[in-house]
PDB file of N, CA and C in Angstrom:
ATOM      1  N   MET A   1     -18.805 -33.898 -24.719  1.00  0.00           N
ATOM      2  CA  MET A   1     -20.023 -32.416 -24.463  1.00  0.00           C
ATOM      3  C   MET A   1     -20.205 -33.737 -23.058  1.00  0.00           C
ATOM      4  N   THR A   2     -20.379 -31.815 -21.952  1.00  0.00           N
ATOM      5  CA  THR A   2     -21.261 -32.372 -21.221  1.00  0.00           C
ATOM      6  C   THR A   2     -23.086 -32.178 -21.178  1.00  0.00           C
ATOM      7  N   ASP A   3     -23.818 -32.388 -19.988  1.00  0.00           N
ATOM      8  CA  ASP A   3     -25.008 -32.312 -20.462  1.00  0.00           C
ATOM      9  C   ASP A   3     -25.092 -31.282 -20.700  1.00  0.00           C
ATOM     10  N   ALA A   4     -25.032 -30.323 -20.186  1.00  0.00           N
ATOM     11  CA  ALA A   4     -25.680 -28.881 -21.095  1.00  0.00           C
ATOM     12  C   ALA A   4     -24.913 -28.624 -22.561  1.00  0.00           C
ATOM     13  N   GLY A   5     -24.368 -29.453 -23.181  1.00  0.00           N
ATOM     14  CA  GLY A   5     -24.147 -29.957 -24.612  1.00  0.00           C
ATOM     15  C   GLY A   5     -22.118 -28.726 -24.291  1.00  0.00           C
ATOM     16  N   LEU A   6     -21.130 -28.757 -23.718  1.00  0.00           N
ATOM     17  CA  LEU A   6     -20.142 -27.647 -23.820  1.00  0.00           C
ATOM     18  C   LEU A   6     -19.083 -28.802 -24.023  1.00  0.00           C
ATOM     19  N   PRO A   7     -17.714 -29.169 -24.833  1.00  0.00           N
ATOM     20  CA  PRO A   7     -16.903 -29.506 -24.927  1.00  0.00           C
ATOM     21  C   PRO A   7     -16.000 -29.671 -23.708  1.00  0.00           C
ATOM     22  N   VAL A   8     -15.863 -30.909 -22.889  1.00  0.00           N
ATOM     23  CA  VAL A   8     -15.004 -31.421 -22.080  1.00  0.00           C
ATOM     24  C   VAL A   8     -13.751 -30.667 -21.965  1.00  0.00           C
ATOM     25  N   ARG A   9     -13.068 -30.316 -21.317  1.00  0.00           N
ATOM     26  CA  ARG A   9     -11.786 -30.021 -20.872  1.00  0.00           C
ATOM     27  C   ARG A   9     -10.556 -30.830 -20.816  1.00  0.00           C
ATOM     28  N   VAL A  10     -10.052 -30.881 -22.051  1.00  0.00           N
ATOM     29  CA  VAL A  10      -8.850 -32.839 -21.677  1.00  0.00           C
ATOM     30  C   VAL A  10      -7.713 -31.813 -21.504  1.00  0.00           C
ATOM     31  N   ARG A  11      -6.841 -32.507 -20.136  1.00  0.00           N
ATOM     32  CA  ARG A  11      -5.796 -31.737 -19.463  1.00  0.00           C
ATOM     33  C   ARG A  11      -4.348 -31.997 -20.983  1.00  0.00           C
ATOM     34  N   GLN A  12      -4.226 -30.567 -20.832  1.00  0.00           N
ATOM     35  CA  GLN A  12      -2.595 -30.821 -21.918  1.00  0.00           C
ATOM     36  C   GLN A  12      -3.323 -31.446 -23.488  1.00  0.00           C
ATOM     37  N   ALA A  13      -4.405 -31.649 -24.180  1.00  0.00           N
ATOM     38  CA  ALA A  13      -4.790 -31.900 -25.030  1.00  0.00           C
ATOM     39  C   ALA A  13      -4.479 -31.487 -26.356  1.00  0.00           C
ATOM     40  N   ASN A  14      -4.280 -29.634 -25.991  1.00  0.00           N
ATOM     41  CA  ASN A  14      -3.797 -28.825 -27.476  1.00  0.00           C
ATOM     42  C   ASN A  14      -1.757 -28.559 -26.889  1.00  0.00           C
ATOM     43  N   LEU A  15      -1.391 -29.325 -25.944  1.00  0.00           N
ATOM     44  CA  LEU A  15       0.280 -29.039 -26.127  1.00  0.00           C
ATOM     45  C   LEU A  15       1.343 -30.244 -27.189  1.00  0.00           C
ATOM     46  N   ALA A  16       2.534 -29.826 -27.668  1.00  0.00           N
ATOM     47  CA  ALA A  16       3.350 -30.216 -28.181  1.00  0.00           C
ATOM     48  C   ALA A  16       3.547 -31.765 -27.483  1.00  0.00           C
ATOM     49  N   PRO A  17       3.707 -32.735 -28.371  1.00  0.00           N
ATOM     50  CA  PRO A  17       3.907 -33.751 -27.319  1.00  0.00           C
ATOM     51  C   PRO A  17       5.458 -33.794 -26.092  1.00  0.00           C
ATOM     52  N   GLU A  18       6.422 -32.859 -26.687  1.00  0.00           N
ATOM     53  CA  GLU A  18       7.535 -33.126 -25.725  1.00  0.00           C
ATOM     54  C   GLU A  18       7.490 -31.869 -24.544  1.00  0.00           C
ATOM     55  N   LEU A  19       6.225 -30.839 -24.814  1.00  0.00           N
ATOM     56  CA  LEU A  19       6.165 -29.806 -23.522  1.00  0.00           C
ATOM     57  C   LEU A  19       5.090 -31.255 -22.639  1.00  0.00           C
ATOM     58  N   ARG A  20       4.314 -31.892 -22.598  1.00  0.00           N
ATOM     59  CA  ARG A  20       3.678 -32.907 -22.469  1.00  0.00           C
ATOM     60  C   ARG A  20       4.277 -33.750 -20.699  1.00  0.00           C
ATOM     61  N   ALA A  21       3.470 -33.506 -19.039  1.00  0.00           N
ATOM     62  CA  ALA A  21       3.541 -33.519 -18.389  1.00  0.00           C
ATOM     63  C   ALA A  21       3.766 -35.419 -18.364  1.00  0.00           C
ATOM     64  N   SER A  22       4.952 -36.101 -18.428  1.00  0.00           N
ATOM     65  CA  SER A  22       4.692 -37.493 -17.911  1.00  0.00           C
ATOM     66  C   SER A  22       3.880 -37.733 -16.306  1.00  0.00           C
ATOM     67  N   PRO A  23       3.539 -38.713 -16.803  1.00  0.00           N
ATOM     68  CA  PRO A  23       2.688 -39.024 -15.899  1.00  0.00           C
ATOM     69  C   PRO A  23       3.346 -39.885 -14.414  1.00  0.00           C
ATOM     70  N   ASN A  24       4.926 -39.852 -14.324  1.00  0.00           N
ATOM     71  CA  ASN A  24       6.164 -39.824 -13.470  1.00  0.00           C
ATOM     72  C   ASN A  24       6.446 -38.167 -13.247  1.00  0.00           C
ATOM     73  N   ALA A  25       6.052 -37.182 -13.842  1.00  0.00           N
ATOM     74  CA  ALA A  25       7.414 -36.402 -13.531  1.00  0.00           C
ATOM     75  C   ALA A  25       7.589 -35.813 -12.353  1.00  0.00           C
ATOM     76  N   GLY A  26       6.847 -36.413 -11.081  1.00  0.00           N
ATOM     77  CA  GLY A  26       7.466 -35.809  -9.617  1.00  0.00           C
ATOM     78  C   GLY A  26       8.010 -36.875  -9.516  1.00  0.00           C
ATOM     79  N   GLU A  27       8.321 -38.146  -9.629  1.00  0.00           N
ATOM     80  CA  GLU A  27       9.102 -39.131  -9.336  1.00  0.00           C
ATOM     81  C   GLU A  27      10.169 -39.101 -10.095  1.00  0.00           C
ATOM     82  N   THR A  28      10.566 -38.853 -10.896  1.00  0.00           N
ATOM     83  CA  THR A  28      11.596 -38.813 -11.808  1.00  0.00           C
ATOM     84  C   THR A  28      13.402 -36.975 -11.787  1.00  0.00           C
ATOM     85  N   GLY A  29      12.315 -36.486 -10.497  1.00  0.00           N
ATOM     86  CA  GLY A  29      13.690 -35.565 -10.193  1.00  0.00           C
ATOM     87  C   GLY A  29      13.180 -34.522 -10.621  1.00  0.00           C
ATOM     88  N   ALA A  30      12.197 -33.944 -10.889  1.00  0.00           N
ATOM     89  CA  ALA A  30      11.180 -32.277 -11.473  1.00  0.00           C
ATOM     90  C   ALA A  30      12.241 -31.573 -11.012  1.00  0.00           C
ATOM     91  N   VAL A  31      12.865 -30.592 -12.110  1.00  0.00           N
ATOM     92  CA  VAL A  31      13.148 -29.654 -11.321  1.00  0.00           C
ATOM     93  C   VAL A  31      12.325 -28.661 -10.485  1.00  0.00           C
ATOM     94  N   GLY A  32      12.785 -28.319  -9.116  1.00  0.00           N
ATOM     95  CA  GLY A  32      11.944 -26.826  -8.836  1.00  0.00           C
ATOM     96  C   GLY A  32      13.347 -25.420  -8.275  1.00  0.00           C
ATOM     97  N   PRO A  33      12.312 -25.031  -7.067  1.00  0.00           N
ATOM     98  CA  PRO A  33      12.997 -23.894  -7.021  1.00  0.00           C
ATOM     99  C   PRO A  33      14.492 -24.128  -6.390  1.00  0.00           C
ATOM    100  N   PRO A  34      15.997 -23.307  -7.086  1.00  0.00           N
ATOM    101  CA  PRO A  34      16.991 -23.591  -6.048  1.00  0.00           C
ATOM    102  C   PRO A  34      17.130 -23.914  -4.201  1.00  0.00           C
ATOM    103  N   ARG A  35      17.295 -24.672  -3.831  1.00  0.00           N
ATOM    104  CA  ARG A  35      17.594 -24.018  -2.479  1.00  0.00           C
ATOM    105  C   ARG A  35      18.340 -23.678  -1.886  1.00  0.00           C
ATOM    106  N   ARG A  36      17.912 -22.543  -1.394  1.00  0.00           N
ATOM    107  CA  ARG A  36      19.494 -21.530  -0.436  1.00  0.00           C
ATOM    108  C   ARG A  36      19.750 -21.827   0.399  1.00  0.00           C
ATOM    109  N   ALA A  37      20.843 -20.672   1.325  1.00  0.00           N
ATOM    110  CA  ALA A  37      20.711 -21.458   2.703  1.00  0.00           C
ATOM    111  C   ALA A  37      20.704 -20.742   3.142  1.00  0.00           C
ATOM    112  N   PRO A  38      20.033 -21.013   4.708  1.00  0.00           N
ATOM    113  CA  PRO A  38      19.944 -19.693   5.598  1.00  0.00           C
ATOM    114  C   PRO A  38      20.626 -18.403   5.458  1.00  0.00           C
ATOM    115  N   GLU A  39      21.667 -18.457   5.699  1.00  0.00           N
ATOM    116  CA  GLU A  39      22.683 -17.688   4.977  1.00  0.00           C
ATOM    117  C   GLU A  39      22.648 -16.364   4.156  1.00  0.00           C
ATOM    118  N   GLN A  40      22.029 -16.753   3.068  1.00  0.00           N
ATOM    119  CA  GLN A  40      21.836 -16.290   2.182  1.00  0.00           C
ATOM    120  C   GLN A  40      20.540 -16.030   1.553  1.00  0.00           C
ATOM    121  N   VAL A  41      19.769 -16.593   2.161  1.00  0.00           N
ATOM    122  CA  VAL A  41      17.708 -16.106   2.632  1.00  0.00           C
ATOM    123  C   VAL A  41      18.590 -14.713   3.456  1.00  0.00           C
ATOM    124  N   ARG A  42      18.932 -14.936   4.905  1.00  0.00           N
ATOM    125  CA  ARG A  42      19.116 -13.778   5.546  1.00  0.00           C
ATOM    126  C   ARG A  42      19.909 -12.034   4.587  1.00  0.00           C
ATOM    127  N   GLN A  43      20.759 -12.696   3.594  1.00  0.00           N
ATOM    128  CA  GLN A  43      21.509 -11.644   3.054  1.00  0.00           C
ATOM    129  C   GLN A  43      20.420 -11.324   2.109  1.00  0.00           C
ATOM    130  N   LEU A  44      19.465 -11.651   1.620  1.00  0.00           N
ATOM    131  CA  LEU A  44      18.810 -11.100   0.375  1.00  0.00           C
ATOM    132  C   LEU A  44      17.837 -10.264   1.191  1.00  0.00           C
ATOM    133  N   MET A  45      17.132 -11.264   2.143  1.00  0.00           N
ATOM    134  CA  MET A  45      16.088 -10.197   2.756  1.00  0.00           C
ATOM    135  C   MET A  45      16.694  -9.092   3.412  1.00  0.00           C
ATOM    136  N   SER A  46      17.978  -9.134   4.198  1.00  0.00           N
ATOM    137  CA  SER A  46      18.318  -7.877   4.711  1.00  0.00           C
ATOM    138  C   SER A  46      18.854  -7.051   3.642  1.00  0.00           C
ATOM    139  N   ALA A  47      19.353  -6.913   2.283  1.00  0.00           N
ATOM    140  CA  ALA A  47      19.238  -6.163   1.288  1.00  0.00           C
ATOM    141  C   ALA A  47      18.312  -5.702   0.824  1.00  0.00           C
ATOM    142  N   TYR A  48      16.722  -6.476   0.742  1.00  0.00           N
ATOM    143  CA  TYR A  48      15.312  -6.107  -0.049  1.00  0.00           C
ATOM    144  C   TYR A  48      15.068  -4.841   1.574  1.00  0.00           C
ATOM    145  N   GLN A  49      15.092  -5.012   2.958  1.00  0.00           N
ATOM    146  CA  GLN A  49      14.532  -4.508   3.733  1.00  0.00           C
ATOM    147  C   GLN A  49      15.360  -3.039   3.883  1.00  0.00           C
ATOM    148  N   SER A  50      16.785  -2.875   3.622  1.00  0.00           N
ATOM    149  CA  SER A  50      17.293  -1.635   3.668  1.00  0.00           C
ATOM    150  C   SER A  50      17.267  -1.147   2.186  1.00  0.00           C
ATOM    151  N   GLY A  51      17.353  -1.721   1.085  1.00  0.00           N
ATOM    152  CA  GLY A  51      16.506  -0.728   0.331  1.00  0.00           C
ATOM    153  C   GLY A  51      15.317  -0.483   0.591  1.00  0.00           C
ATOM    154  N   THR A  52      14.459  -1.184   0.492  1.00  0.00           N
ATOM    155  CA  THR A  52      12.953  -0.706   1.149  1.00  0.00           C
ATOM    156  C   THR A  52      13.300   1.031   1.957  1.00  0.00           C
ATOM    157  N   ARG A  53      13.823   0.643   3.124  1.00  0.00           N
ATOM    158  CA  ARG A  53      14.233   1.750   4.346  1.00  0.00           C
ATOM    159  C   ARG A  53      14.434   2.849   3.371  1.00  0.00           C
ATOM    160  N   ARG A  54      15.480   2.884   2.762  1.00  0.00           N
ATOM    161  CA  ARG A  54      16.614   3.435   1.627  1.00  0.00           C
ATOM    162  C   ARG A  54      14.965   4.634   0.808  1.00  0.00           C
ATOM    163  N   GLY A  55      14.851   4.046   0.600  1.00  0.00           N
ATOM    164  CA  GLY A  55      13.600   4.711  -1.240  1.00  0.00           C
ATOM    165  C   GLY A  55      12.311   5.091   0.043  1.00  0.00           C
ATOM    166  N   ARG A  56      12.101   4.527   1.222  1.00  0.00           N
ATOM    167  CA  ARG A  56      10.775   5.423   1.902  1.00  0.00           C
ATOM    168  C   ARG A  56      11.232   6.623   2.311  1.00  0.00           C
ATOM    169  N   SER A  57      13.115   6.704   3.034  1.00  0.00           N
ATOM    170  CA  SER A  57      13.783   7.999   3.451  1.00  0.00           C
ATOM    171  C   SER A  57      13.647   9.201   2.220  1.00  0.00           C
ATOM    172  N   ASP A  58      14.300   8.235   1.235  1.00  0.00           N
ATOM    173  CA  ASP A  58      14.934   9.174   0.141  1.00  0.00           C
ATOM    174  C   ASP A  58      13.152  10.100  -0.514  1.00  0.00           C
ATOM    175  N   ALA A  59      11.969   8.941  -0.398  1.00  0.00           N
ATOM    176  CA  ALA A  59      10.974   9.577  -0.786  1.00  0.00           C
ATOM    177  C   ALA A  59      10.008  10.545   0.382  1.00  0.00           C
ATOM    178  N   ALA A  60      10.665  10.592   1.206  1.00  0.00           N
ATOM    179  CA  ALA A  60      10.393  11.662   2.194  1.00  0.00           C
ATOM    180  C   ALA A  60      10.980  12.715   2.356  1.00  0.00           C
ATOM    181  N   ARG A  61      12.288  12.705   1.604  1.00  0.00           N
ATOM    182  CA  ARG A  61      12.789  13.825   1.765  1.00  0.00           C
ATOM    183  C   ARG A  61      12.550  14.826   0.700  1.00  0.00           C
ATOM    184  N   LEU A  62      12.204  14.505  -0.426  1.00  0.00           N
ATOM    185  CA  LEU A  62      11.729  14.455  -1.615  1.00  0.00           C
ATOM    186  C   LEU A  62      10.917  14.621  -1.066  1.00  0.00           C
ATOM    187  N   LEU A  63       9.398  14.809  -0.470  1.00  0.00           N
ATOM    188  CA  LEU A  63       8.239  15.357  -0.185  1.00  0.00           C
ATOM    189  C   LEU A  63       8.531  16.283   0.882  1.00  0.00           C
ATOM    190  N   GLU A  64       9.321  16.635   1.629  1.00  0.00           N
ATOM    191  CA  GLU A  64       9.658  17.697   2.398  1.00  0.00           C
ATOM    192  C   GLU A  64      10.311  18.526   1.844  1.00  0.00           C
ATOM    193  N   GLY A  65      10.761  18.443   0.414  1.00  0.00           N
ATOM    194  CA  GLY A  65      11.037  19.786  -0.492  1.00  0.00           C
ATOM    195  C   GLY A  65      10.562  20.165  -1.011  1.00  0.00           C
ATOM    196  N   THR A  66       8.885  19.619  -1.754  1.00  0.00           N
ATOM    197  CA  THR A  66       8.302  20.149  -2.329  1.00  0.00           C
ATOM    198  C   THR A  66       7.452  20.660  -1.138  1.00  0.00           C
ATOM    199  N   ARG A  67       7.370  20.285   0.461  1.00  0.00           N
ATOM    200  CA  ARG A  67       6.490  21.005   0.845  1.00  0.00           C
ATOM    201  C   ARG A  67       7.172  22.201   0.992  1.00  0.00           C
ATOM    202  N   ALA A  68       8.690  22.629   1.467  1.00  0.00           N
ATOM    203  CA  ALA A  68       8.371  24.015   1.182  1.00  0.00           C
ATOM    204  C   ALA A  68       8.893  24.452   0.509  1.00  0.00           C
ATOM    205  N   GLY A  69       8.138  24.426  -0.722  1.00  0.00           N
ATOM    206  CA  GLY A  69       7.831  25.070  -2.068  1.00  0.00           C
ATOM    207  C   GLY A  69       9.386  25.057  -2.842  1.00  0.00           C
ATOM    208  N   GLU A  70      10.044  23.401  -2.883  1.00  0.00           N
ATOM    209  CA  GLU A  70      10.644  23.393  -3.837  1.00  0.00           C
ATOM    210  C   GLU A  70      10.518  23.287  -4.593  1.00  0.00           C
ATOM    211  N   ARG A  71      11.013  22.674  -5.301  1.00  0.00           N
ATOM    212  CA  ARG A  71      10.425  21.480  -6.883  1.00  0.00           C
ATOM    213  C   ARG A  71      11.963  20.847  -6.430  1.00  0.00           C
ATOM    214  N   PRO A  72      11.435  19.166  -6.933  1.00  0.00           N
ATOM    215  CA  PRO A  72      12.253  17.934  -6.773  1.00  0.00           C
ATOM    216  C   PRO A  72      13.102  18.114  -7.287  1.00  0.00           C
ATOM    217  N   ASP A  73      13.612  19.250  -8.976  1.00  0.00           N
ATOM    218  CA  ASP A  73      14.632  18.875  -9.487  1.00  0.00           C
ATOM    219  C   ASP A  73      15.389  20.078  -9.109  1.00  0.00           C
ATOM    220  N   ASP A  74      14.959  20.954  -7.679  1.00  0.00           N
ATOM    221  CA  ASP A  74      16.009  22.143  -8.630  1.00  0.00           C
ATOM    222  C   ASP A  74      16.895  22.248  -7.690  1.00  0.00           C
ATOM    223  N   ALA A  75      17.533  20.790  -6.871  1.00  0.00           N
ATOM    224  CA  ALA A  75      18.878  20.104  -6.398  1.00  0.00           C
ATOM    225  C   ALA A  75      19.732  19.644  -7.359  1.00  0.00           C
ATOM    226  N   ASP A  76      18.944  19.339  -9.245  1.00  0.00           N
ATOM    227  CA  ASP A  76      19.529  19.002  -9.739  1.00  0.00           C
ATOM    228  C   ASP A  76      20.064  19.856 -10.913  1.00  0.00           C
ATOM    229  N   ASN A  77      19.683  20.774 -11.532  1.00  0.00           N
ATOM    230  CA  ASN A  77      19.690  21.699 -11.799  1.00  0.00           C
ATOM    231  C   ASN A  77      19.925  23.247 -10.826  1.00  0.00           C
ATOM    232  N   PRO A  78      21.252  23.669 -10.070  1.00  0.00           N
ATOM    233  CA  PRO A  78      22.245  24.586  -9.858  1.00  0.00           C
ATOM    234  C   PRO A  78      21.414  26.312 -10.044  1.00  0.00           C
ATOM    235  N   ALA A  79      21.306  25.916 -11.730  1.00  0.00           N
ATOM    236  CA  ALA A  79      21.379  26.929 -12.010  1.00  0.00           C
ATOM    237  C   ALA A  79      19.669  27.486 -12.736  1.00  0.00           C
ATOM    238  N   GLY A  80      19.181  27.155 -11.801  1.00  0.00           N
ATOM    239  CA  GLY A  80      17.393  27.634 -11.667  1.00  0.00           C
ATOM    240  C   GLY A  80      16.500  27.139 -12.450  1.00  0.00           C
TER     241      GLY A  80
END
Protein backbone atom coordinates (compact mmCIF):
# COMPACT_ATOMS: atom_id res chain seq x y z
CA MET A 1 0.00 0.00 0.00
CA THR A 2 1.09 3.57 -0.64
CA ASP A 3 1.13 6.36 1.95
CA ALA A 4 -2.33 7.40 0.68
CA GLY A 5 -3.67 3.89 1.26
CA LEU A 6 -3.82 2.93 -2.41
CA PRO A 7 -2.63 -0.45 -3.64
CA VAL A 8 0.73 -0.56 -5.38
CA ARG A 9 0.66 -1.84 -8.94
CA VAL A 10 2.77 -4.90 -9.58
CA ARG A 11 3.60 -5.35 -13.26
CA GLN A 12 2.14 -8.47 -14.87
CA ALA A 13 0.74 -9.68 -11.54
CA ASN A 14 -2.60 -10.70 -13.09
CA LEU A 15 -1.26 -12.35 -16.24
CA ALA A 16 -1.22 -16.04 -16.86
CA PRO A 17 2.26 -17.45 -16.20
CA GLU A 18 2.84 -18.33 -19.87
CA LEU A 19 2.13 -14.71 -20.88
CA ARG A 20 4.54 -13.09 -18.48
CA ALA A 21 7.65 -11.66 -20.08
CA SER A 22 10.85 -13.28 -19.02
CA PRO A 23 13.56 -10.98 -17.67
CA ASN A 24 15.75 -11.83 -20.68
CA ALA A 25 13.08 -11.30 -23.37
CA GLY A 26 15.22 -8.76 -25.20
CA GLU A 27 18.21 -11.09 -25.25
CA THR A 28 16.42 -14.22 -26.46
CA GLY A 29 15.54 -12.79 -29.87
CA ALA A 30 12.06 -11.49 -29.19
CA VAL A 31 10.02 -11.23 -32.36
CA GLY A 32 9.58 -7.68 -33.63
CA PRO A 33 8.09 -6.18 -36.75
CA PRO A 34 9.40 -7.71 -39.97
CA ARG A 35 12.18 -5.85 -41.76
CA ARG A 36 11.29 -4.70 -45.27
CA ALA A 37 13.58 -3.99 -48.16
CA PRO A 38 13.79 -0.30 -49.12
CA GLU A 39 12.30 -1.10 -52.55
CA GLN A 40 9.28 -2.74 -50.93
CA VAL A 41 8.74 0.22 -48.62
CA ARG A 42 8.97 2.60 -51.58
CA GLN A 43 6.44 0.51 -53.52
CA LEU A 44 4.01 0.41 -50.57
CA MET A 45 4.25 4.15 -49.96
CA SER A 46 3.82 4.87 -53.66
CA ALA A 47 0.68 2.74 -53.77
CA TYR A 48 -0.65 4.51 -50.67
CA GLN A 49 0.04 7.93 -52.20
CA SER A 50 -1.58 7.09 -55.56
CA GLY A 51 -4.63 5.68 -53.79
CA THR A 52 -4.96 8.86 -51.77
CA ARG A 53 -4.71 10.98 -54.92
CA ARG A 54 -7.29 8.81 -56.68
CA GLY A 55 -9.68 9.10 -53.75
CA ARG A 56 -9.31 12.85 -53.60
CA SER A 57 -9.92 13.27 -57.33
CA ASP A 58 -12.99 10.99 -57.18
CA ALA A 59 -14.33 12.98 -54.24
CA ALA A 60 -13.71 16.25 -56.09
CA ARG A 61 -15.60 14.92 -59.14
CA LEU A 62 -18.52 13.89 -56.95
CA LEU A 63 -18.50 17.26 -55.24
CA GLU A 64 -18.49 19.09 -58.59
CA GLY A 65 -21.47 16.99 -59.71
CA THR A 66 -23.50 17.93 -56.65
CA ARG A 67 -22.66 21.59 -57.15
CA ALA A 68 -23.99 21.42 -60.72
CA GLY A 69 -27.37 20.26 -59.40
CA GLU A 70 -26.88 16.53 -59.98
CA ARG A 71 -27.20 13.93 -57.30
CA PRO A 72 -24.07 11.78 -56.89
CA ASP A 73 -26.07 8.60 -57.61
CA ASP A 74 -27.63 9.90 -60.88
CA ALA A 75 -24.79 8.39 -62.89
CA ASP A 76 -25.49 4.96 -61.43
CA ASN A 77 -29.21 5.07 -62.28
CA PRO A 78 -29.85 6.21 -65.88
CA ALA A 79 -33.62 5.67 -65.50
CA GLY A 80 -33.73 8.67 -63.22
